Protein backbone atom coordinates (compact mmCIF):
# COMPACT_ATOMS: atom_id res chain seq x y z
CA MET A 1 37.88 -45.81 -26.30
CA PRO A 2 34.65 -44.36 -27.70
CA ILE A 3 32.42 -42.28 -25.48
CA GLU A 4 28.92 -43.61 -25.19
CA LEU A 5 26.35 -40.84 -25.22
CA ASN A 6 22.84 -41.52 -24.14
CA GLU A 7 20.18 -39.54 -22.34
CA LYS A 8 21.21 -40.90 -18.93
CA ASN A 9 24.90 -40.00 -19.45
CA ILE A 10 24.02 -36.52 -20.69
CA LYS A 11 21.70 -35.84 -17.75
CA LYS A 12 24.30 -37.11 -15.29
CA GLY A 13 26.97 -34.94 -16.91
CA VAL A 14 24.83 -31.81 -16.86
CA LEU A 15 23.76 -32.40 -13.26
CA SER A 16 27.36 -33.01 -12.26
CA LEU A 17 28.46 -29.78 -13.91
CA VAL A 18 25.65 -27.79 -12.29
CA LEU A 19 26.39 -29.17 -8.82
CA ALA A 20 30.14 -28.62 -9.30
CA LEU A 21 29.37 -24.97 -10.09
CA VAL A 22 27.12 -24.80 -7.02
CA ASP A 23 30.05 -26.18 -4.99
CA ILE A 24 32.28 -23.43 -6.33
CA LEU A 25 29.70 -20.74 -5.55
CA ARG A 26 29.27 -22.20 -2.07
CA ASP A 27 33.04 -21.94 -1.51
CA VAL A 28 32.99 -18.32 -2.68
CA LEU A 29 30.10 -17.55 -0.31
CA LYS A 30 31.98 -19.14 2.58
CA HIS A 31 35.12 -17.16 1.77
CA GLN A 32 33.16 -13.92 1.55
CA ALA A 33 31.38 -14.69 4.83
CA VAL A 34 34.71 -15.24 6.58
CA ARG A 35 36.05 -11.95 5.20
CA ARG A 36 32.97 -10.11 6.44
CA MET A 37 33.20 -11.74 9.88
CA GLU A 38 36.91 -10.98 10.19
CA GLY A 39 36.25 -7.41 9.08
CA GLY A 40 33.72 -6.98 11.87
CA ARG A 41 30.96 -6.09 9.42
CA LEU A 42 28.48 -8.61 10.83
CA SER A 43 26.64 -8.64 14.12
CA GLY A 44 26.61 -11.78 16.24
CA GLU A 45 23.08 -12.54 15.08
CA GLU A 46 24.07 -12.13 11.43
CA VAL A 47 27.02 -14.47 11.91
CA GLU A 48 24.68 -17.09 13.40
CA ARG A 49 22.16 -16.75 10.57
CA LEU A 50 24.87 -16.89 7.96
CA GLY A 51 26.41 -19.97 9.56
CA ARG A 52 23.05 -21.76 9.62
CA ALA A 53 22.31 -20.80 6.01
CA LEU A 54 25.69 -22.07 4.80
CA LYS A 55 25.23 -25.30 6.75
CA ASP A 56 21.76 -25.77 5.21
CA ILE A 57 23.20 -25.21 1.73
CA ASP A 58 25.95 -27.76 2.43
CA THR A 59 23.41 -30.32 3.59
CA ALA A 60 21.07 -29.77 0.64
CA VAL A 61 23.87 -30.00 -1.95
CA GLU A 62 25.38 -33.13 -0.42
CA GLU A 63 21.94 -34.78 -0.19
CA LEU A 64 21.29 -34.01 -3.86
CA LYS A 65 24.61 -35.51 -4.90
CA GLU A 66 23.90 -38.64 -2.90
CA GLU A 67 20.27 -39.01 -4.06
CA LEU A 68 21.28 -38.59 -7.69
CA GLY A 69 24.28 -40.91 -7.35
CA ILE A 70 26.70 -38.37 -8.76
CA MET A 71 29.15 -37.76 -5.89
CA ASP A 72 32.14 -39.11 -7.85
CA ALA A 73 31.08 -37.41 -11.08
CA VAL A 74 30.76 -34.03 -9.34
CA ARG A 75 34.17 -34.51 -7.71
CA SER A 76 35.67 -35.33 -11.11
CA VAL A 77 34.07 -32.29 -12.78
CA ARG A 78 35.20 -30.05 -9.92
CA GLU A 79 38.77 -31.32 -10.16
CA GLY A 80 38.71 -30.69 -13.90
CA LEU A 81 37.38 -27.17 -13.44
CA ASP A 82 39.90 -26.43 -10.69
CA GLY A 83 42.71 -27.66 -12.94
CA ALA A 84 41.52 -25.60 -15.90
CA VAL A 85 41.24 -22.45 -13.79
CA GLY A 86 44.67 -23.08 -12.28
CA GLU A 87 46.22 -23.45 -15.73
CA ALA A 88 44.48 -20.32 -17.02
CA LEU A 89 45.62 -18.27 -14.03
CA GLY A 90 49.15 -19.60 -14.36
CA ALA A 91 49.25 -18.62 -18.03
CA ALA A 92 47.78 -15.18 -17.29
CA PHE A 93 50.32 -14.52 -14.53
CA ALA A 94 53.18 -15.71 -16.73
CA GLN A 95 52.03 -13.42 -19.54
CA ALA A 96 51.69 -10.46 -17.17
CA GLU A 97 55.12 -11.20 -15.76
CA MET A 98 56.61 -11.23 -19.26
CA LYS A 99 54.95 -7.93 -20.13
CA GLY A 100 56.22 -6.43 -16.89
CA SER A 101 59.79 -7.53 -17.51
CA ASN A 102 59.61 -6.27 -21.12
CA ALA A 103 58.40 -2.87 -19.93
CA TYR A 104 61.25 -2.76 -17.42
CA ALA A 105 63.79 -3.68 -20.14
CA GLU A 106 62.46 -0.93 -22.44
CA LYS A 107 62.91 1.71 -19.71
CA ALA A 108 66.48 0.61 -18.97
């Protein structure tokens, strides 16, 4: 099946990729915020401000996806990126494991 490329498809694809990356960054920010809260490095006021800021980011990103009609496209791009990263990490861990077992065999 040939892929039809036109300006609308390209714009939708680029916007979907950008918002998928924003989703990933948002997840990283949330994870980091939780680590800082659990580590006791934030005051109560800072936790409140951070929570509001993250909620505002969530709202803005979801509104953009809806307004642009790219919710499904962003989800698809995100799933593809998650899969690619998972495969890359799996390959890297497997390679490191092989190197580790080779080093152990050489010492024995």
